[in-house]
N, C-alpha and C. Protein backbone atom coordinates (compact mmCIF):
# COMPACT_ATOMS: atom_id res chain seq x y z
N MET A 1 0.47 65.88 -86.47
CA MET A 1 -0.72 66.12 -87.25
C MET A 1 -1.91 65.49 -86.53
N PRO A 2 -3.03 66.20 -86.45
CA PRO A 2 -4.16 65.70 -85.68
C PRO A 2 -4.91 64.54 -86.33
N VAL A 3 -4.75 64.30 -87.63
CA VAL A 3 -5.41 63.16 -88.28
C VAL A 3 -4.38 62.07 -88.49
N VAL A 4 -4.67 60.88 -87.99
CA VAL A 4 -3.75 59.76 -88.05
C VAL A 4 -4.31 58.71 -89.00
N VAL A 5 -3.47 58.22 -89.91
CA VAL A 5 -3.88 57.17 -90.84
C VAL A 5 -3.57 55.83 -90.19
N GLU A 6 -4.58 54.98 -90.07
CA GLU A 6 -4.42 53.67 -89.45
C GLU A 6 -4.55 52.55 -90.48
N LEU A 7 -3.91 52.76 -91.62
CA LEU A 7 -3.95 51.79 -92.70
C LEU A 7 -3.33 50.47 -92.30
N ASP A 8 -2.27 50.53 -91.53
CA ASP A 8 -1.59 49.30 -91.11
C ASP A 8 -2.51 48.39 -90.30
N ILE A 9 -3.36 48.98 -89.48
CA ILE A 9 -4.29 48.20 -88.66
C ILE A 9 -5.31 47.49 -89.55
N MET A 10 -5.85 48.23 -90.53
CA MET A 10 -6.86 47.63 -91.41
C MET A 10 -6.23 46.56 -92.30
N LEU A 11 -5.01 46.77 -92.74
CA LEU A 11 -4.32 45.74 -93.53
C LEU A 11 -4.15 44.47 -92.71
N ALA A 12 -3.79 44.62 -91.45
CA ALA A 12 -3.62 43.45 -90.58
C ALA A 12 -4.95 42.73 -90.38
N ARG A 13 -6.03 43.49 -90.20
CA ARG A 13 -7.35 42.88 -90.01
C ARG A 13 -7.80 42.10 -91.25
N ARG A 14 -7.41 42.60 -92.41
CA ARG A 14 -7.80 41.95 -93.67
C ARG A 14 -6.75 40.93 -94.13
N LYS A 15 -5.70 40.79 -93.33
CA LYS A 15 -4.61 39.86 -93.66
C LYS A 15 -4.07 40.11 -95.07
N MET A 16 -3.81 41.40 -95.34
CA MET A 16 -3.32 41.80 -96.66
C MET A 16 -1.99 42.53 -96.50
N ARG A 17 -1.10 42.30 -97.42
CA ARG A 17 0.20 42.97 -97.41
C ARG A 17 0.11 44.29 -98.18
N SER A 18 0.99 45.19 -97.84
CA SER A 18 1.04 46.50 -98.51
C SER A 18 1.24 46.35 -100.01
N LYS A 19 2.05 45.38 -100.39
CA LYS A 19 2.34 45.16 -101.81
C LYS A 19 1.06 44.82 -102.58
N GLU A 20 0.24 43.94 -102.01
CA GLU A 20 -1.01 43.57 -102.68
C GLU A 20 -1.95 44.76 -102.78
N LEU A 21 -2.07 45.53 -101.69
CA LEU A 21 -2.92 46.72 -101.72
C LEU A 21 -2.44 47.69 -102.80
N ALA A 22 -1.15 47.93 -102.84
CA ALA A 22 -0.58 48.86 -103.83
C ALA A 22 -0.95 48.42 -105.24
N GLN A 23 -0.80 47.15 -105.53
CA GLN A 23 -1.12 46.64 -106.86
C GLN A 23 -2.60 46.82 -107.18
N ARG A 24 -3.46 46.56 -106.20
CA ARG A 24 -4.91 46.60 -106.44
C ARG A 24 -5.46 48.01 -106.56
N ILE A 25 -4.79 49.01 -105.96
CA ILE A 25 -5.30 50.38 -106.03
C ILE A 25 -4.51 51.27 -106.98
N GLY A 26 -3.45 50.72 -107.56
CA GLY A 26 -2.69 51.48 -108.55
C GLY A 26 -1.69 52.47 -107.98
N LEU A 27 -1.17 52.19 -106.79
CA LEU A 27 -0.11 53.00 -106.20
C LEU A 27 1.16 52.18 -106.13
N THR A 28 2.28 52.85 -105.89
CA THR A 28 3.52 52.12 -105.68
C THR A 28 3.59 51.66 -104.23
N GLU A 29 4.44 50.67 -103.98
CA GLU A 29 4.63 50.21 -102.60
C GLU A 29 5.15 51.36 -101.73
N GLN A 30 5.99 52.21 -102.31
CA GLN A 30 6.54 53.36 -101.59
C GLN A 30 5.41 54.30 -101.14
N GLN A 31 4.46 54.56 -102.01
CA GLN A 31 3.34 55.45 -101.67
C GLN A 31 2.49 54.86 -100.55
N VAL A 32 2.23 53.57 -100.61
CA VAL A 32 1.45 52.91 -99.56
C VAL A 32 2.23 52.96 -98.24
N SER A 33 3.53 52.75 -98.32
CA SER A 33 4.38 52.81 -97.13
C SER A 33 4.32 54.20 -96.49
N GLN A 34 4.35 55.23 -97.31
CA GLN A 34 4.26 56.59 -96.79
C GLN A 34 2.92 56.86 -96.14
N LEU A 35 1.85 56.33 -96.73
CA LEU A 35 0.52 56.46 -96.11
C LEU A 35 0.49 55.79 -94.75
N LYS A 36 1.04 54.56 -94.69
CA LYS A 36 1.04 53.81 -93.44
C LYS A 36 1.84 54.51 -92.35
N SER A 37 2.94 55.13 -92.72
CA SER A 37 3.83 55.74 -91.73
C SER A 37 3.40 57.15 -91.34
N GLY A 38 2.41 57.70 -92.03
CA GLY A 38 1.95 59.05 -91.70
C GLY A 38 2.82 60.14 -92.26
N LYS A 39 3.64 59.83 -93.25
CA LYS A 39 4.56 60.81 -93.83
C LYS A 39 3.92 61.66 -94.92
N VAL A 40 2.64 61.48 -95.17
CA VAL A 40 1.95 62.29 -96.16
C VAL A 40 1.09 63.33 -95.44
N ARG A 41 0.91 64.46 -96.10
CA ARG A 41 0.11 65.52 -95.50
C ARG A 41 -1.31 65.54 -96.05
N GLY A 42 -1.58 64.71 -97.03
CA GLY A 42 -2.92 64.67 -97.60
C GLY A 42 -3.10 63.42 -98.44
N MET A 43 -4.37 63.18 -98.77
CA MET A 43 -4.70 62.01 -99.57
C MET A 43 -5.89 62.40 -100.44
N ARG A 44 -5.84 62.03 -101.70
CA ARG A 44 -6.96 62.31 -102.60
C ARG A 44 -8.15 61.44 -102.21
N PHE A 45 -9.35 61.99 -102.36
CA PHE A 45 -10.55 61.21 -102.07
C PHE A 45 -10.63 59.99 -102.97
N ASP A 46 -10.16 60.11 -104.20
CA ASP A 46 -10.16 58.98 -105.11
C ASP A 46 -9.31 57.83 -104.56
N THR A 47 -8.14 58.16 -104.02
CA THR A 47 -7.27 57.15 -103.41
C THR A 47 -7.94 56.53 -102.20
N LEU A 48 -8.52 57.36 -101.35
CA LEU A 48 -9.22 56.87 -100.17
C LEU A 48 -10.37 55.94 -100.57
N SER A 49 -11.10 56.31 -101.61
CA SER A 49 -12.21 55.48 -102.09
C SER A 49 -11.72 54.12 -102.58
N ARG A 50 -10.61 54.11 -103.32
CA ARG A 50 -10.07 52.84 -103.81
C ARG A 50 -9.60 51.96 -102.67
N ILE A 51 -8.95 52.55 -101.68
CA ILE A 51 -8.50 51.78 -100.51
C ILE A 51 -9.71 51.18 -99.79
N CYS A 52 -10.74 51.99 -99.59
CA CYS A 52 -11.94 51.51 -98.89
C CYS A 52 -12.61 50.38 -99.67
N ALA A 53 -12.64 50.49 -101.00
CA ALA A 53 -13.26 49.46 -101.82
C ALA A 53 -12.51 48.14 -101.69
N VAL A 54 -11.20 48.19 -101.76
CA VAL A 54 -10.39 46.98 -101.69
C VAL A 54 -10.44 46.36 -100.29
N LEU A 55 -10.36 47.20 -99.26
CA LEU A 55 -10.34 46.68 -97.89
C LEU A 55 -11.74 46.50 -97.31
N GLN A 56 -12.76 46.86 -98.09
CA GLN A 56 -14.15 46.76 -97.65
C GLN A 56 -14.35 47.40 -96.29
N CYS A 57 -14.03 48.70 -96.25
CA CYS A 57 -14.15 49.44 -95.00
C CYS A 57 -14.65 50.85 -95.28
N GLN A 58 -14.86 51.61 -94.24
CA GLN A 58 -15.28 53.01 -94.32
C GLN A 58 -14.07 53.90 -94.08
N PRO A 59 -14.09 55.15 -94.58
CA PRO A 59 -12.97 56.07 -94.32
C PRO A 59 -12.65 56.21 -92.83
N GLY A 60 -13.67 56.16 -92.00
CA GLY A 60 -13.47 56.26 -90.55
C GLY A 60 -12.71 55.09 -89.96
N ASP A 61 -12.65 53.98 -90.69
CA ASP A 61 -11.86 52.83 -90.23
C ASP A 61 -10.37 53.07 -90.46
N LEU A 62 -10.06 54.01 -91.36
CA LEU A 62 -8.67 54.27 -91.74
C LEU A 62 -8.10 55.54 -91.13
N LEU A 63 -8.99 56.45 -90.73
CA LEU A 63 -8.56 57.76 -90.24
C LEU A 63 -9.05 57.98 -88.81
N ARG A 64 -8.18 58.55 -88.00
CA ARG A 64 -8.54 58.84 -86.60
C ARG A 64 -8.10 60.27 -86.30
N TYR A 65 -8.95 61.02 -85.64
CA TYR A 65 -8.62 62.39 -85.24
C TYR A 65 -8.11 62.41 -83.81
N GLU A 66 -6.94 63.00 -83.62
CA GLU A 66 -6.38 63.18 -82.27
C GLU A 66 -6.57 64.63 -81.88
N GLY A 67 -7.58 64.90 -81.09
CA GLY A 67 -7.87 66.25 -80.67
C GLY A 67 -6.77 66.86 -79.81
N GLY A 68 -6.76 68.19 -79.79
CA GLY A 68 -5.80 68.89 -78.95
C GLY A 68 -4.43 69.07 -79.57
N LYS A 69 -4.23 68.62 -80.79
CA LYS A 69 -2.94 68.75 -81.44
C LYS A 69 -3.05 69.62 -82.68
N GLU A 70 -4.03 70.49 -82.72
CA GLU A 70 -4.27 71.36 -83.86
C GLU A 70 -3.17 72.42 -83.96
N PRO A 71 -2.60 72.62 -85.15
CA PRO A 71 -1.57 73.65 -85.32
C PRO A 71 -2.16 75.03 -85.03
N ALA A 72 -1.34 75.90 -84.49
CA ALA A 72 -1.78 77.24 -84.11
C ALA A 72 -2.06 78.13 -85.30
N ASP A 73 -1.51 77.82 -86.48
CA ASP A 73 -1.66 78.71 -87.63
C ASP A 73 -2.78 78.28 -88.57
N VAL A 74 -3.75 77.55 -88.10
CA VAL A 74 -4.87 77.11 -88.95
C VAL A 74 -5.82 78.27 -89.16
N ASP A 75 -6.18 78.50 -90.41
CA ASP A 75 -7.15 79.54 -90.76
C ASP A 75 -8.53 78.92 -90.79
N ASP A 76 -9.38 79.27 -89.85
CA ASP A 76 -10.72 78.68 -89.78
C ASP A 76 -11.74 79.48 -90.57
N GLY A 77 -11.28 80.47 -91.33
CA GLY A 77 -12.18 81.24 -92.16
C GLY A 77 -12.89 82.37 -91.45
N GLY A 78 -12.59 82.55 -90.19
CA GLY A 78 -13.31 83.57 -89.43
C GLY A 78 -12.51 84.67 -89.04
C-alpha cells in the first residue's frame, strides 16, 4: 500500500505505549496494534483527529506516502 502509517515512530517520540493511546482515544489495544502494523486499509478522520490530539502532532507526522507503489486498478475518475 502506498500510504504507510508511522504511528509507532510517533509513540516512541512521545514516550507513550500503545495501551495508553488506546485508552485515551477509545480504541482497543488490538485496533491500535493493527494501525501500527499497517494491517488496516483505512482510518476514519475522527480516529486520526483523536490520535493527533493525544500525540500533539499533525496527520502528516503519522502518514507517509511511498510513491511508485500505486495499484494498477485505481480508478482516478477519468
